[in-house]
C-alpha cells in the first residue's frame, strides 16, 4: 500500500511540473506552482521504500532548482526592462522640439 501511494504521489508530482510549464505566466510567477508540486514528494519521502525515497529527494531538488531558476530569470528580466526604460527616456538635449513654421492646427493654408 505504501509503495502504491508513493508511486501515485510521484506521478502527481511529474504531472504537476508538466502542467506548470503550460501555464502562460511571465517568469517569476511559476515558483508558487513549483513549491506546490514539492508537496507531492512528501508521501514517498515519509512512507516509501528506499528507491522511492531517493526519487522523492530528487523531486525536492528539481523543485528547488526550478524555483531558483524562475526567480533569477524574473530578476534578470526586470533588470533588463529597467535598463531599456532608462535608455528610452529622452534627455534634455534630445528632447523633441516642434518644427518651425505655422502650426497645422492654425487652420487655413
C-alpha atoms as a PDB file:
ATOM      1  CA  UNK A   1       0.000   0.000   0.000  1.00  0.00           C
ATOM      2  CA  UNK A   2       2.814   2.395   0.872  1.00  0.00           C
ATOM      3  CA  UNK A   3       4.524   1.673  -2.433  1.00  0.00           C
ATOM      4  CA  UNK A   4       1.309   2.367  -4.336  1.00  0.00           C
ATOM      5  CA  UNK A   5       0.762   5.685  -2.506  1.00  0.00           C
ATOM      6  CA  UNK A   6       4.362   6.674  -3.201  1.00  0.00           C
ATOM      7  CA  UNK A   7       4.086   5.867  -6.903  1.00  0.00           C
ATOM      8  CA  UNK A   8       0.837   7.791  -7.289  1.00  0.00           C
ATOM      9  CA  UNK A   9       2.317  10.731  -5.428  1.00  0.00           C
ATOM     10  CA  UNK A  10       5.419  10.804  -7.632  1.00  0.00           C
ATOM     11  CA  UNK A  11       3.230  10.570 -10.740  1.00  0.00           C
ATOM     12  CA  UNK A  12       1.219  13.557  -9.481  1.00  0.00           C
ATOM     13  CA  UNK A  13       4.493  15.419  -8.936  1.00  0.00           C
ATOM     14  CA  UNK A  14       5.604  14.817 -12.526  1.00  0.00           C
ATOM     15  CA  UNK A  15       2.182  15.732 -13.920  1.00  0.00           C
ATOM     16  CA  UNK A  16       2.001  18.956 -11.903  1.00  0.00           C
ATOM     17  CA  UNK A  17       5.502  20.012 -13.007  1.00  0.00           C
ATOM     18  CA  UNK A  18       4.474  19.364 -16.610  1.00  0.00           C
ATOM     19  CA  UNK A  19       1.253  21.358 -16.288  1.00  0.00           C
ATOM     20  CA  UNK A  20       3.066  24.184 -14.504  1.00  0.00           C
ATOM     21  CA  UNK A  21       5.072  24.715 -17.698  1.00  0.00           C
ATOM     22  CA  UNK A  22       1.864  25.022 -19.711  1.00  0.00           C
ATOM     23  CA  UNK A  23       0.619  27.959 -17.660  1.00  0.00           C
ATOM     24  CA  UNK A  24       1.149  31.167 -19.611  1.00  0.00           C
ATOM     25  CA  UNK A  25       2.540  33.333 -16.854  1.00  0.00           C
ATOM     26  CA  UNK A  26       5.569  35.603 -17.024  1.00  0.00           C
ATOM     27  CA  UNK A  27       8.769  34.493 -15.316  1.00  0.00           C
ATOM     28  CA  UNK A  28       8.577  34.972 -11.578  1.00  0.00           C
ATOM     29  CA  UNK A  29       5.008  33.705 -11.299  1.00  0.00           C
ATOM     30  CA  UNK A  30       5.720  29.993 -11.688  1.00  0.00           C
ATOM     31  CA  UNK A  31       7.603  29.448  -8.435  1.00  0.00           C
ATOM     32  CA  UNK A  32       4.450  29.030  -6.273  1.00  0.00           C
ATOM     33  CA  UNK A  33       3.402  26.207  -8.581  1.00  0.00           C
ATOM     34  CA  UNK A  34       6.794  24.584  -8.260  1.00  0.00           C
ATOM     35  CA  UNK A  35       6.606  24.899  -4.471  1.00  0.00           C
ATOM     36  CA  UNK A  36       3.161  23.302  -4.508  1.00  0.00           C
ATOM     37  CA  UNK A  37       4.447  20.395  -6.589  1.00  0.00           C
ATOM     38  CA  UNK A  38       7.035  19.636  -3.912  1.00  0.00           C
ATOM     39  CA  UNK A  39       4.150  18.675  -1.604  1.00  0.00           C
ATOM     40  CA  UNK A  40       3.610  15.542  -3.710  1.00  0.00           C
ATOM     41  CA  UNK A  41       7.123  14.355  -2.830  1.00  0.00           C
ATOM     42  CA  UNK A  42       6.401  14.284   0.911  1.00  0.00           C
ATOM     43  CA  UNK A  43       4.462  10.984   0.953  1.00  0.00           C
ATOM     44  CA  UNK A  44       7.204   8.940  -0.781  1.00  0.00           C
ATOM     45  CA  UNK A  45       9.809  10.555   1.440  1.00  0.00           C
ATOM     46  CA  UNK A  46       7.962   9.533   4.604  1.00  0.00           C
ATOM     47  CA  UNK A  47       6.446   6.141   3.793  1.00  0.00           C
ATOM     48  CA  UNK A  48       8.013   4.936   0.559  1.00  0.00           C
ATOM     49  CA  UNK A  49      10.582   2.210   0.008  1.00  0.00           C
ATOM     50  CA  UNK A  50      14.244   3.307  -0.247  1.00  0.00           C
ATOM     51  CA  UNK A  51      14.257   3.673  -4.053  1.00  0.00           C
ATOM     52  CA  UNK A  52      11.194   5.876  -3.992  1.00  0.00           C
ATOM     53  CA  UNK A  53      12.641   7.882  -1.107  1.00  0.00           C
ATOM     54  CA  UNK A  54      15.643   8.682  -3.277  1.00  0.00           C
ATOM     55  CA  UNK A  55      13.267   9.643  -6.069  1.00  0.00           C
ATOM     56  CA  UNK A  56      11.412  11.932  -3.647  1.00  0.00           C
ATOM     57  CA  UNK A  57      14.672  13.634  -2.690  1.00  0.00           C
ATOM     58  CA  UNK A  58      15.316  14.110  -6.399  1.00  0.00           C
ATOM     59  CA  UNK A  59      11.868  15.670  -6.756  1.00  0.00           C
ATOM     60  CA  UNK A  60      12.659  18.143  -3.988  1.00  0.00           C
ATOM     61  CA  UNK A  61      15.922  19.019  -5.723  1.00  0.00           C
ATOM     62  CA  UNK A  62      14.098  19.501  -9.037  1.00  0.00           C
ATOM     63  CA  UNK A  63      11.544  21.760  -7.346  1.00  0.00           C
ATOM     64  CA  UNK A  64      14.274  23.802  -5.682  1.00  0.00           C
ATOM     65  CA  UNK A  65      16.172  24.228  -8.956  1.00  0.00           C
ATOM     66  CA  UNK A  66      13.010  25.282 -10.800  1.00  0.00           C
ATOM     67  CA  UNK A  67      12.108  27.782  -8.073  1.00  0.00           C
ATOM     68  CA  UNK A  68      15.580  29.350  -8.057  1.00  0.00           C
ATOM     69  CA  UNK A  69      15.662  29.452 -11.859  1.00  0.00           C
ATOM     70  CA  UNK A  70      12.240  31.121 -12.070  1.00  0.00           C
ATOM     71  CA  UNK A  71      13.127  33.783  -9.511  1.00  0.00           C
ATOM     72  CA  UNK A  72      16.541  34.563 -11.025  1.00  0.00           C
ATOM     73  CA  UNK A  73      15.018  34.764 -14.517  1.00  0.00           C
ATOM     74  CA  UNK A  74      12.395  37.204 -13.263  1.00  0.00           C
ATOM     75  CA  UNK A  75      15.071  39.358 -11.620  1.00  0.00           C
ATOM     76  CA  UNK A  76      17.204  39.334 -14.781  1.00  0.00           C
ATOM     77  CA  UNK A  77      14.261  40.331 -16.972  1.00  0.00           C
ATOM     78  CA  UNK A  78      13.227  43.086 -14.554  1.00  0.00           C
ATOM     79  CA  UNK A  79      16.779  44.423 -14.631  1.00  0.00           C
ATOM     80  CA  UNK A  80      16.793  44.391 -18.444  1.00  0.00           C
ATOM     81  CA  UNK A  81      13.447  46.214 -18.524  1.00  0.00           C
ATOM     82  CA  UNK A  82      14.766  48.853 -16.151  1.00  0.00           C
ATOM     83  CA  UNK A  83      17.807  49.431 -18.364  1.00  0.00           C
ATOM     84  CA  UNK A  84      15.664  49.632 -21.503  1.00  0.00           C
ATOM     85  CA  UNK A  85      13.212  52.034 -19.852  1.00  0.00           C
ATOM     86  CA  UNK A  86      16.064  54.238 -18.715  1.00  0.00           C
ATOM     87  CA  UNK A  87      17.543  54.283 -22.213  1.00  0.00           C
ATOM     88  CA  UNK A  88      14.163  55.061 -23.767  1.00  0.00           C
ATOM     89  CA  UNK A  89      13.548  58.206 -21.709  1.00  0.00           C
ATOM     90  CA  UNK A  90      14.677  61.282 -23.632  1.00  0.00           C
ATOM     91  CA  UNK A  91      17.203  63.579 -22.016  1.00  0.00           C
ATOM     92  CA  UNK A  92      17.023  67.382 -22.131  1.00  0.00           C
ATOM     93  CA  UNK A  93      19.460  67.563 -25.054  1.00  0.00           C
ATOM     94  CA  UNK A  94      17.452  65.033 -27.033  1.00  0.00           C
ATOM     95  CA  UNK A  95      14.032  66.439 -26.311  1.00  0.00           C
ATOM     96  CA  UNK A  96      11.669  66.639 -29.271  1.00  0.00           C
ATOM     97  CA  UNK A  97      11.059  70.238 -30.323  1.00  0.00           C
ATOM     98  CA  UNK A  98       8.232  71.380 -32.585  1.00  0.00           C
ATOM     99  CA  UNK A  99       9.179  72.171 -36.145  1.00  0.00           C
ATOM    100  CA  UNK A 100       9.408  75.849 -37.046  1.00  0.00           C
ATOM    101  CA  UNK A 101       6.644  77.320 -39.117  1.00  0.00           C
ATOM    102  CA  UNK A 102       2.896  77.524 -38.874  1.00  0.00           C
ATOM    103  CA  UNK A 103       1.108  75.082 -36.664  1.00  0.00           C
ATOM    104  CA  UNK A 104      -1.036  72.550 -38.502  1.00  0.00           C
ATOM    105  CA  UNK A 105      -3.862  73.432 -36.116  1.00  0.00           C
ATOM    106  CA  UNK A 106      -3.758  77.114 -37.108  1.00  0.00           C
ATOM    107  CA  UNK A 107      -6.224  76.353 -39.841  1.00  0.00           C
ATOM    108  CA  UNK A 108      -6.131  77.728 -43.300  1.00  0.00           C
ATOM    109  CA  UNK A 109      -3.383  77.241 -45.689  1.00  0.00           C
END
